[in-house]
Amino acid sequence: MTTLHIVSKSLANADVQIALVTAQKKDAIVLIGDAVYALFDKSTIETKAKIFALSPDLNARGLDISTDTIQTIVELVDYAGFVKLTESHHPIVSWY
């Protein structure tokens, strides 16, 4: 199995940058809470890992990810999808 990195803070938090650099190609990163703002930062798009974002958190912040660049690198998940990610990855690392 691969590592799931759960990121909940925005890019201003150093842990977000560390998570983006630490994640390996086979890993997954799920952006929740204020971390969904990271989708609009170039360093996030350039990460090696697969990126997921919690769609209710995007909606709560009124964010639109309709640009082609963002749509090609991120997969939106709902709460059930988030649970599936936690079930299919080991270990799980939470970045606060």
PDB file of N, CA and C in Angstrom:
ATOM      1  N   MET A   1       0.831  -1.193   0.000  1.00  0.00           N
ATOM      2  CA  MET A   1       0.000   0.000   0.000  1.00  0.00           C
ATOM      3  C   MET A   1       0.872   1.252   0.000  1.00  0.00           C
ATOM      4  N   THR A   2       0.260   2.347  -0.311  1.00  0.00           N
ATOM      5  CA  THR A   2       0.975   3.609  -0.384  1.00  0.00           C
ATOM      6  C   THR A   2       0.513   4.553   0.724  1.00  0.00           C
ATOM      7  N   THR A   3       1.307   5.565   0.956  1.00  0.00           N
ATOM      8  CA  THR A   3       1.020   6.522   2.022  1.00  0.00           C
ATOM      9  C   THR A   3      -0.038   7.524   1.570  1.00  0.00           C
ATOM     10  N   LEU A   4      -0.933   7.854   2.492  1.00  0.00           N
ATOM     11  CA  LEU A   4      -1.905   8.915   2.279  1.00  0.00           C
ATOM     12  C   LEU A   4      -1.501  10.086   3.153  1.00  0.00           C
ATOM     13  N   HIS A   5      -1.273  11.228   2.525  1.00  0.00           N
ATOM     14  CA  HIS A   5      -0.933  12.452   3.241  1.00  0.00           C
ATOM     15  C   HIS A   5      -2.197  13.306   3.313  1.00  0.00           C
ATOM     16  N   ILE A   6      -2.687  13.559   4.519  1.00  0.00           N
ATOM     17  CA  ILE A   6      -3.869  14.398   4.706  1.00  0.00           C
ATOM     18  C   ILE A   6      -3.383  15.780   5.124  1.00  0.00           C
ATOM     19  N   VAL A   7      -3.683  16.771   4.286  1.00  0.00           N
ATOM     20  CA  VAL A   7      -3.211  18.135   4.541  1.00  0.00           C
ATOM     21  C   VAL A   7      -4.425  19.019   4.798  1.00  0.00           C
ATOM     22  N   SER A   8      -4.385  19.754   5.922  1.00  0.00           N
ATOM     23  CA  SER A   8      -5.558  20.554   6.293  1.00  0.00           C
ATOM     24  C   SER A   8      -5.300  22.052   6.402  1.00  0.00           C
ATOM     25  N   LYS A   9      -4.075  22.481   6.240  1.00  0.00           N
ATOM     26  CA  LYS A   9      -3.756  23.911   6.360  1.00  0.00           C
ATOM     27  C   LYS A   9      -3.366  24.484   5.004  1.00  0.00           C
ATOM     28  N   SER A  10      -3.409  25.791   4.897  1.00  0.00           N
ATOM     29  CA  SER A  10      -3.069  26.448   3.637  1.00  0.00           C
ATOM     30  C   SER A  10      -1.561  26.447   3.414  1.00  0.00           C
ATOM     31  N   LEU A  11      -1.133  26.953   2.276  1.00  0.00           N
ATOM     32  CA  LEU A  11       0.285  26.953   1.918  1.00  0.00           C
ATOM     33  C   LEU A  11       1.147  27.795   2.847  1.00  0.00           C
ATOM     34  N   ALA A  12       0.538  28.679   3.604  1.00  0.00           N
ATOM     35  CA  ALA A  12       1.319  29.498   4.540  1.00  0.00           C
ATOM     36  C   ALA A  12       1.944  28.628   5.625  1.00  0.00           C
ATOM     37  N   ASN A  13       1.389  27.447   5.839  1.00  0.00           N
ATOM     38  CA  ASN A  13       1.902  26.527   6.835  1.00  0.00           C
ATOM     39  C   ASN A  13       3.061  25.726   6.224  1.00  0.00           C
ATOM     40  N   ALA A  14       4.194  25.698   6.892  1.00  0.00           N
ATOM     41  CA  ALA A  14       5.381  24.995   6.375  1.00  0.00           C
ATOM     42  C   ALA A  14       5.132  23.504   6.185  1.00  0.00           C
ATOM     43  N   ASP A  15       4.244  22.909   6.986  1.00  0.00           N
ATOM     44  CA  ASP A  15       3.970  21.477   6.858  1.00  0.00           C
ATOM     45  C   ASP A  15       3.390  21.124   5.495  1.00  0.00           C
ATOM     46  N   VAL A  16       2.641  22.018   4.902  1.00  0.00           N
ATOM     47  CA  VAL A  16       2.086  21.755   3.579  1.00  0.00           C
ATOM     48  C   VAL A  16       3.209  21.594   2.566  1.00  0.00           C
ATOM     49  N   GLN A  17       4.166  22.480   2.603  1.00  0.00           N
ATOM     50  CA  GLN A  17       5.300  22.390   1.687  1.00  0.00           C
ATOM     51  C   GLN A  17       6.095  21.115   1.927  1.00  0.00           C
ATOM     52  N   ILE A  18       6.281  20.743   3.187  1.00  0.00           N
ATOM     53  CA  ILE A  18       7.002  19.514   3.507  1.00  0.00           C
ATOM     54  C   ILE A  18       6.249  18.298   2.984  1.00  0.00           C
ATOM     55  N   ALA A  19       4.932  18.290   3.140  1.00  0.00           N
ATOM     56  CA  ALA A  19       4.124  17.167   2.645  1.00  0.00           C
ATOM     57  C   ALA A  19       4.245  17.046   1.134  1.00  0.00           C
ATOM     58  N   LEU A  20       4.219  18.165   0.432  1.00  0.00           N
ATOM     59  CA  LEU A  20       4.322  18.136  -1.028  1.00  0.00           C
ATOM     60  C   LEU A  20       5.671  17.600  -1.491  1.00  0.00           C
ATOM     61  N   VAL A  21       6.719  17.929  -0.765  1.00  0.00           N
ATOM     62  CA  VAL A  21       8.061  17.470  -1.120  1.00  0.00           C
ATOM     63  C   VAL A  21       8.270  16.020  -0.687  1.00  0.00           C
ATOM     64  N   THR A  22       7.704  15.644   0.444  1.00  0.00           N
ATOM     65  CA  THR A  22       7.895  14.309   1.021  1.00  0.00           C
ATOM     66  C   THR A  22       7.151  13.224   0.247  1.00  0.00           C
ATOM     67  N   ALA A  23       5.990  13.544  -0.272  1.00  0.00           N
ATOM     68  CA  ALA A  23       5.157  12.541  -0.942  1.00  0.00           C
ATOM     69  C   ALA A  23       5.876  11.944  -2.143  1.00  0.00           C
ATOM     70  N   GLN A  24       5.808  10.635  -2.238  1.00  0.00           N
ATOM     71  CA  GLN A  24       6.405   9.906  -3.346  1.00  0.00           C
ATOM     72  C   GLN A  24       5.397   9.746  -4.485  1.00  0.00           C
ATOM     73  N   LYS A  25       5.861   9.315  -5.635  1.00  0.00           N
ATOM     74  CA  LYS A  25       5.007   9.193  -6.820  1.00  0.00           C
ATOM     75  C   LYS A  25       3.802   8.279  -6.578  1.00  0.00           C
ATOM     76  N   LYS A  26       3.976   7.213  -5.829  1.00  0.00           N
ATOM     77  CA  LYS A  26       2.887   6.261  -5.584  1.00  0.00           C
ATOM     78  C   LYS A  26       1.948   6.700  -4.462  1.00  0.00           C
ATOM     79  N   ASP A  27       2.309   7.765  -3.751  1.00  0.00           N
ATOM     80  CA  ASP A  27       1.504   8.245  -2.631  1.00  0.00           C
ATOM     81  C   ASP A  27       0.311   9.062  -3.122  1.00  0.00           C
ATOM     82  N   ALA A  28      -0.558   9.379  -2.179  1.00  0.00           N
ATOM     83  CA  ALA A  28      -1.702  10.244  -2.462  1.00  0.00           C
ATOM     84  C   ALA A  28      -1.732  11.362  -1.427  1.00  0.00           C
ATOM     85  N   ILE A  29      -2.141  12.533  -1.886  1.00  0.00           N
ATOM     86  CA  ILE A  29      -2.313  13.686  -1.005  1.00  0.00           C
ATOM     87  C   ILE A  29      -3.774  14.091  -1.096  1.00  0.00           C
ATOM     88  N   VAL A  30      -4.421  14.215   0.054  1.00  0.00           N
ATOM     89  CA  VAL A  30      -5.797  14.709   0.056  1.00  0.00           C
ATOM     90  C   VAL A  30      -5.808  16.056   0.776  1.00  0.00           C
ATOM     91  N   LEU A  31      -6.334  17.049   0.077  1.00  0.00           N
ATOM     92  CA  LEU A  31      -6.410  18.403   0.616  1.00  0.00           C
ATOM     93  C   LEU A  31      -7.789  18.617   1.217  1.00  0.00           C
ATOM     94  N   ILE A  32      -7.809  18.989   2.494  1.00  0.00           N
ATOM     95  CA  ILE A  32      -9.061  19.247   3.190  1.00  0.00           C
ATOM     96  C   ILE A  32      -8.968  20.614   3.863  1.00  0.00           C
ATOM     97  N   GLY A  33     -10.097  21.133   4.288  1.00  0.00           N
ATOM     98  CA  GLY A  33     -10.089  22.419   4.982  1.00  0.00           C
ATOM     99  C   GLY A  33      -9.443  23.497   4.139  1.00  0.00           C
ATOM    100  N   ASP A  34      -8.669  24.359   4.784  1.00  0.00           N
ATOM    101  CA  ASP A  34      -8.011  25.462   4.079  1.00  0.00           C
ATOM    102  C   ASP A  34      -6.926  25.001   3.111  1.00  0.00           C
ATOM    103  N   ALA A  35      -6.519  23.750   3.184  1.00  0.00           N
ATOM    104  CA  ALA A  35      -5.496  23.251   2.265  1.00  0.00           C
ATOM    105  C   ALA A  35      -5.980  23.229   0.820  1.00  0.00           C
ATOM    106  N   VAL A  36      -7.290  23.285   0.592  1.00  0.00           N
ATOM    107  CA  VAL A  36      -7.781  23.290  -0.792  1.00  0.00           C
ATOM    108  C   VAL A  36      -7.297  24.524  -1.558  1.00  0.00           C
ATOM    109  N   TYR A  37      -6.930  25.589  -0.843  1.00  0.00           N
ATOM    110  CA  TYR A  37      -6.365  26.766  -1.508  1.00  0.00           C
ATOM    111  C   TYR A  37      -5.050  26.421  -2.222  1.00  0.00           C
ATOM    112  N   ALA A  38      -4.385  25.364  -1.792  1.00  0.00           N
ATOM    113  CA  ALA A  38      -3.110  24.950  -2.396  1.00  0.00           C
ATOM    114  C   ALA A  38      -3.276  24.547  -3.856  1.00  0.00           C
ATOM    115  N   LEU A  39      -4.482  24.248  -4.280  1.00  0.00           N
ATOM    116  CA  LEU A  39      -4.714  23.875  -5.678  1.00  0.00           C
ATOM    117  C   LEU A  39      -4.371  25.009  -6.639  1.00  0.00           C
ATOM    118  N   PHE A  40      -4.318  26.212  -6.133  1.00  0.00           N
ATOM    119  CA  PHE A  40      -4.053  27.372  -6.978  1.00  0.00           C
ATOM    120  C   PHE A  40      -2.592  27.816  -6.909  1.00  0.00           C
ATOM    121  N   ASP A  41      -1.733  26.958  -6.333  1.00  0.00           N
ATOM    122  CA  ASP A  41      -0.315  27.264  -6.225  1.00  0.00           C
ATOM    123  C   ASP A  41       0.475  26.337  -7.142  1.00  0.00           C
ATOM    124  N   LYS A  42       1.406  26.888  -7.876  1.00  0.00           N
ATOM    125  CA  LYS A  42       2.188  26.116  -8.858  1.00  0.00           C
ATOM    126  C   LYS A  42       2.943  24.950  -8.219  1.00  0.00           C
ATOM    127  N   SER A  43       3.458  25.111  -6.994  1.00  0.00           N
ATOM    128  CA  SER A  43       4.219  24.029  -6.362  1.00  0.00           C
ATOM    129  C   SER A  43       3.346  22.808  -6.089  1.00  0.00           C
ATOM    130  N   THR A  44       2.065  23.014  -5.871  1.00  0.00           N
ATOM    131  CA  THR A  44       1.155  21.889  -5.663  1.00  0.00           C
ATOM    132  C   THR A  44       0.974  21.119  -6.959  1.00  0.00           C
ATOM    133  N   ILE A  45       0.807  21.834  -8.027  1.00  0.00           N
ATOM    134  CA  ILE A  45       0.589  21.196  -9.326  1.00  0.00           C
ATOM    135  C   ILE A  45       1.805  20.379  -9.746  1.00  0.00           C
ATOM    136  N   GLU A  46       2.979  20.777  -9.301  1.00  0.00           N
ATOM    137  CA  GLU A  46       4.209  20.098  -9.704  1.00  0.00           C
ATOM    138  C   GLU A  46       4.581  18.901  -8.833  1.00  0.00           C
ATOM    139  N   THR A  47       3.803  18.580  -7.820  1.00  0.00           N
ATOM    140  CA  THR A  47       4.136  17.457  -6.961  1.00  0.00           C
ATOM    141  C   THR A  47       4.034  16.133  -7.726  1.00  0.00           C
ATOM    142  N   LYS A  48       4.752  15.136  -7.257  1.00  0.00           N
ATOM    143  CA  LYS A  48       4.781  13.831  -7.921  1.00  0.00           C
ATOM    144  C   LYS A  48       3.569  12.973  -7.572  1.00  0.00           C
ATOM    145  N   ALA A  49       2.984  13.193  -6.413  1.00  0.00           N
ATOM    146  CA  ALA A  49       1.915  12.335  -5.904  1.00  0.00           C
ATOM    147  C   ALA A  49       0.572  12.664  -6.551  1.00  0.00           C
ATOM    148  N   LYS A  50      -0.350  11.727  -6.461  1.00  0.00           N
ATOM    149  CA  LYS A  50      -1.724  11.944  -6.914  1.00  0.00           C
ATOM    150  C   LYS A  50      -2.413  12.852  -5.896  1.00  0.00           C
ATOM    151  N   ILE A  51      -3.121  13.873  -6.374  1.00  0.00           N
ATOM    152  CA  ILE A  51      -3.763  14.833  -5.487  1.00  0.00           C
ATOM    153  C   ILE A  51      -5.281  14.675  -5.538  1.00  0.00           C
ATOM    154  N   PHE A  52      -5.869  14.648  -4.359  1.00  0.00           N
ATOM    155  CA  PHE A  52      -7.314  14.625  -4.192  1.00  0.00           C
ATOM    156  C   PHE A  52      -7.708  15.856  -3.384  1.00  0.00           C
ATOM    157  N   ALA A  53      -8.917  16.340  -3.583  1.00  0.00           N
ATOM    158  CA  ALA A  53      -9.425  17.461  -2.794  1.00  0.00           C
ATOM    159  C   ALA A  53     -10.843  17.140  -2.354  1.00  0.00           C
ATOM    160  N   LEU A  54     -11.157  17.495  -1.138  1.00  0.00           N
ATOM    161  CA  LEU A  54     -12.488  17.257  -0.585  1.00  0.00           C
ATOM    162  C   LEU A  54     -13.443  18.306  -1.160  1.00  0.00           C
ATOM    163  N   SER A  55     -14.368  17.854  -2.002  1.00  0.00           N
ATOM    164  CA  SER A  55     -15.246  18.787  -2.710  1.00  0.00           C
ATOM    165  C   SER A  55     -16.117  19.642  -1.783  1.00  0.00           C
ATOM    166  N   PRO A  56     -16.632  19.130  -0.658  1.00  0.00           N
ATOM    167  CA  PRO A  56     -17.401  20.016   0.223  1.00  0.00           C
ATOM    168  C   PRO A  56     -16.569  21.189   0.755  1.00  0.00           C
ATOM    169  N   ASP A  57     -15.266  20.982   0.932  1.00  0.00           N
ATOM    170  CA  ASP A  57     -14.413  22.071   1.413  1.00  0.00           C
ATOM    171  C   ASP A  57     -14.166  23.107   0.324  1.00  0.00           C
ATOM    172  N   LEU A  58     -14.057  22.665  -0.918  1.00  0.00           N
ATOM    173  CA  LEU A  58     -13.959  23.613  -2.033  1.00  0.00           C
ATOM    174  C   LEU A  58     -15.243  24.430  -2.139  1.00  0.00           C
ATOM    175  N   ASN A  59     -16.372  23.748  -2.071  1.00  0.00           N
ATOM    176  CA  ASN A  59     -17.664  24.427  -2.173  1.00  0.00           C
ATOM    177  C   ASN A  59     -17.875  25.417  -1.033  1.00  0.00           C
ATOM    178  N   ALA A  60     -17.478  25.039   0.168  1.00  0.00           N
ATOM    179  CA  ALA A  60     -17.658  25.911   1.334  1.00  0.00           C
ATOM    180  C   ALA A  60     -16.866  27.209   1.194  1.00  0.00           C
ATOM    181  N   ARG A  61     -15.785  27.161   0.437  1.00  0.00           N
ATOM    182  CA  ARG A  61     -14.939  28.337   0.241  1.00  0.00           C
ATOM    183  C   ARG A  61     -15.234  29.053  -1.074  1.00  0.00           C
ATOM    184  N   GLY A  62     -16.211  28.554  -1.812  1.00  0.00           N
ATOM    185  CA  GLY A  62     -16.590  29.182  -3.072  1.00  0.00           C
ATOM    186  C   GLY A  62     -15.515  29.105  -4.133  1.00  0.00           C
ATOM    187  N   LEU A  63     -14.702  28.054  -4.097  1.00  0.00           N
ATOM    188  CA  LEU A  63     -13.585  27.920  -5.037  1.00  0.00           C
ATOM    189  C   LEU A  63     -14.016  27.166  -6.288  1.00  0.00           C
ATOM    190  N   ASP A  64     -13.513  27.622  -7.415  1.00  0.00           N
ATOM    191  CA  ASP A  64     -13.811  27.019  -8.706  1.00  0.00           C
ATOM    192  C   ASP A  64     -12.522  26.450  -9.286  1.00  0.00           C
ATOM    193  N   ILE A  65     -12.520  25.166  -9.552  1.00  0.00           N
ATOM    194  CA  ILE A  65     -11.313  24.538 -10.106  1.00  0.00           C
ATOM    195  C   ILE A  65     -11.536  24.154 -11.563  1.00  0.00           C
ATOM    196  N   SER A  66     -12.246  24.975 -12.273  1.00  0.00           N
ATOM    197  CA  SER A  66     -12.601  24.638 -13.650  1.00  0.00           C
ATOM    198  C   SER A  66     -11.470  24.819 -14.651  1.00  0.00           C
ATOM    199  N   THR A  67     -10.331  25.350 -14.238  1.00  0.00           N
ATOM    200  CA  THR A  67      -9.235  25.496 -15.196  1.00  0.00           C
ATOM    201  C   THR A  67      -8.700  24.130 -15.596  1.00  0.00           C
ATOM    202  N   ASP A  68      -8.291  24.002 -16.822  1.00  0.00           N
ATOM    203  CA  ASP A  68      -7.805  22.731 -17.349  1.00  0.00           C
ATOM    204  C   ASP A  68      -6.615  22.203 -16.550  1.00  0.00           C
ATOM    205  N   THR A  69      -5.718  23.086 -16.159  1.00  0.00           N
ATOM    206  CA  THR A  69      -4.522  22.658 -15.433  1.00  0.00           C
ATOM    207  C   THR A  69      -4.889  21.987 -14.123  1.00  0.00           C
ATOM    208  N   ILE A  70      -5.779  22.595 -13.376  1.00  0.00           N
ATOM    209  CA  ILE A  70      -6.165  22.031 -12.077  1.00  0.00           C
ATOM    210  C   ILE A  70      -6.952  20.742 -12.265  1.00  0.00           C
ATOM    211  N   GLN A  71      -7.869  20.717 -13.218  1.00  0.00           N
ATOM    212  CA  GLN A  71      -8.678  19.519 -13.438  1.00  0.00           C
ATOM    213  C   GLN A  71      -7.843  18.306 -13.815  1.00  0.00           C
ATOM    214  N   THR A  72      -6.701  18.519 -14.462  1.00  0.00           N
ATOM    215  CA  THR A  72      -5.876  17.386 -14.867  1.00  0.00           C
ATOM    216  C   THR A  72      -5.046  16.827 -13.723  1.00  0.00           C
ATOM    217  N   ILE A  73      -4.844  17.584 -12.653  1.00  0.00           N
ATOM    218  CA  ILE A  73      -3.985  17.099 -11.571  1.00  0.00           C
ATOM    219  C   ILE A  73      -4.743  16.725 -10.303  1.00  0.00           C
ATOM    220  N   VAL A  74      -6.005  17.063 -10.201  1.00  0.00           N
ATOM    221  CA  VAL A  74      -6.727  16.803  -8.956  1.00  0.00           C
ATOM    222  C   VAL A  74      -7.982  15.987  -9.222  1.00  0.00           C
ATOM    223  N   GLU A  75      -8.281  15.118  -8.278  1.00  0.00           N
ATOM    224  CA  GLU A  75      -9.527  14.366  -8.324  1.00  0.00           C
ATOM    225  C   GLU A  75     -10.353  14.788  -7.124  1.00  0.00           C
ATOM    226  N   LEU A  76     -11.575  15.217  -7.368  1.00  0.00           N
ATOM    227  CA  LEU A  76     -12.452  15.619  -6.270  1.00  0.00           C
ATOM    228  C   LEU A  76     -13.071  14.385  -5.632  1.00  0.00           C
ATOM    229  N   VAL A  77     -13.165  14.423  -4.315  1.00  0.00           N
ATOM    230  CA  VAL A  77     -13.800  13.341  -3.579  1.00  0.00           C
ATOM    231  C   VAL A  77     -14.797  13.926  -2.592  1.00  0.00           C
ATOM    232  N   ASP A  78     -15.849  13.165  -2.329  1.00  0.00           N
ATOM    233  CA  ASP A  78     -16.782  13.540  -1.282  1.00  0.00           C
ATOM    234  C   ASP A  78     -16.350  12.829  -0.002  1.00  0.00           C
ATOM    235  N   TYR A  79     -17.166  12.890   1.049  1.00  0.00           N
ATOM    236  CA  TYR A  79     -16.775  12.264   2.306  1.00  0.00           C
ATOM    237  C   TYR A  79     -16.596  10.748   2.178  1.00  0.00           C
ATOM    238  N   ALA A  80     -17.464  10.110   1.392  1.00  0.00           N
ATOM    239  CA  ALA A  80     -17.340   8.657   1.190  1.00  0.00           C
ATOM    240  C   ALA A  80     -16.033   8.324   0.462  1.00  0.00           C
ATOM    241  N   GLY A  81     -15.670   9.153  -0.513  1.00  0.00           N
ATOM    242  CA  GLY A  81     -14.414   8.953  -1.226  1.00  0.00           C
ATOM    243  C   GLY A  81     -13.209   9.153  -0.328  1.00  0.00           C
ATOM    244  N   PHE A  82     -13.321  10.100   0.590  1.00  0.00           N
ATOM    245  CA  PHE A  82     -12.255  10.348   1.561  1.00  0.00           C
ATOM    246  C   PHE A  82     -12.063   9.116   2.450  1.00  0.00           C
ATOM    247  N   VAL A  83     -13.164   8.533   2.890  1.00  0.00           N
ATOM    248  CA  VAL A  83     -13.084   7.323   3.710  1.00  0.00           C
ATOM    249  C   VAL A  83     -12.431   6.188   2.924  1.00  0.00           C
ATOM    250  N   LYS A  84     -12.789   6.043   1.658  1.00  0.00           N
ATOM    251  CA  LYS A  84     -12.185   4.993   0.821  1.00  0.00           C
ATOM    252  C   LYS A  84     -10.674   5.187   0.697  1.00  0.00           C
ATOM    253  N   LEU A  85     -10.245   6.450   0.577  1.00  0.00           N
ATOM    254  CA  LEU A  85      -8.807   6.715   0.517  1.00  0.00           C
ATOM    255  C   LEU A  85      -8.121   6.258   1.804  1.00  0.00           C
ATOM    256  N   THR A  86      -8.736   6.519   2.931  1.00  0.00           N
ATOM    257  CA  THR A  86      -8.115   6.112   4.205  1.00  0.00           C
ATOM    258  C   THR A  86      -8.102   4.595   4.345  1.00  0.00           C
ATOM    259  N   GLU A  87      -9.056   3.930   3.753  1.00  0.00           N
ATOM    260  CA  GLU A  87      -9.096   2.469   3.824  1.00  0.00           C
ATOM    261  C   GLU A  87      -8.075   1.807   2.899  1.00  0.00           C
ATOM    262  N   SER A  88      -7.733   2.490   1.825  1.00  0.00           N
ATOM    263  CA  SER A  88      -6.856   1.864   0.826  1.00  0.00           C
ATOM    264  C   SER A  88      -5.395   2.297   0.918  1.00  0.00           C
ATOM    265  N   HIS A  89      -5.054   3.119   1.890  1.00  0.00           N
ATOM    266  CA  HIS A  89      -3.673   3.580   2.040  1.00  0.00           C
ATOM    267  C   HIS A  89      -3.165   3.302   3.445  1.00  0.00           C
ATOM    268  N   HIS A  90      -1.899   2.952   3.490  1.00  0.00           N
ATOM    269  CA  HIS A  90      -1.236   2.734   4.786  1.00  0.00           C
ATOM    270  C   HIS A  90       0.239   2.998   4.592  1.00  0.00           C
ATOM    271  N   PRO A  91       0.847   3.782   5.393  1.00  0.00           N
ATOM    272  CA  PRO A  91       0.313   4.517   6.541  1.00  0.00           C
ATOM    273  C   PRO A  91      -0.394   5.789   6.116  1.00  0.00           C
ATOM    274  N   ILE A  92      -1.018   6.438   7.093  1.00  0.00           N
ATOM    275  CA  ILE A  92      -1.677   7.723   6.888  1.00  0.00           C
ATOM    276  C   ILE A  92      -0.917   8.758   7.705  1.00  0.00           C
ATOM    277  N   VAL A  93      -0.544   9.853   7.037  1.00  0.00           N
ATOM    278  CA  VAL A  93       0.176  10.928   7.704  1.00  0.00           C
ATOM    279  C   VAL A  93      -0.696  12.174   7.654  1.00  0.00           C
ATOM    280  N   SER A  94      -0.992  12.735   8.821  1.00  0.00           N
ATOM    281  CA  SER A  94      -1.783  13.970   8.884  1.00  0.00           C
ATOM    282  C   SER A  94      -0.853  15.147   9.098  1.00  0.00           C
ATOM    283  N   TRP A  95      -0.992  16.135   8.237  1.00  0.00           N
ATOM    284  CA  TRP A  95      -0.177  17.347   8.323  1.00  0.00           C
ATOM    285  C   TRP A  95      -1.060  18.473   8.812  1.00  0.00           C
ATOM    286  N   TYR A  96      -0.696  19.068   9.923  1.00  0.00           N
ATOM    287  CA  TYR A  96      -1.479  20.160  10.484  1.00  0.00           C
ATOM    288  C   TYR A  96      -0.638  21.386  10.438  1.00  0.00           C
TER     289      TYR A  96
END
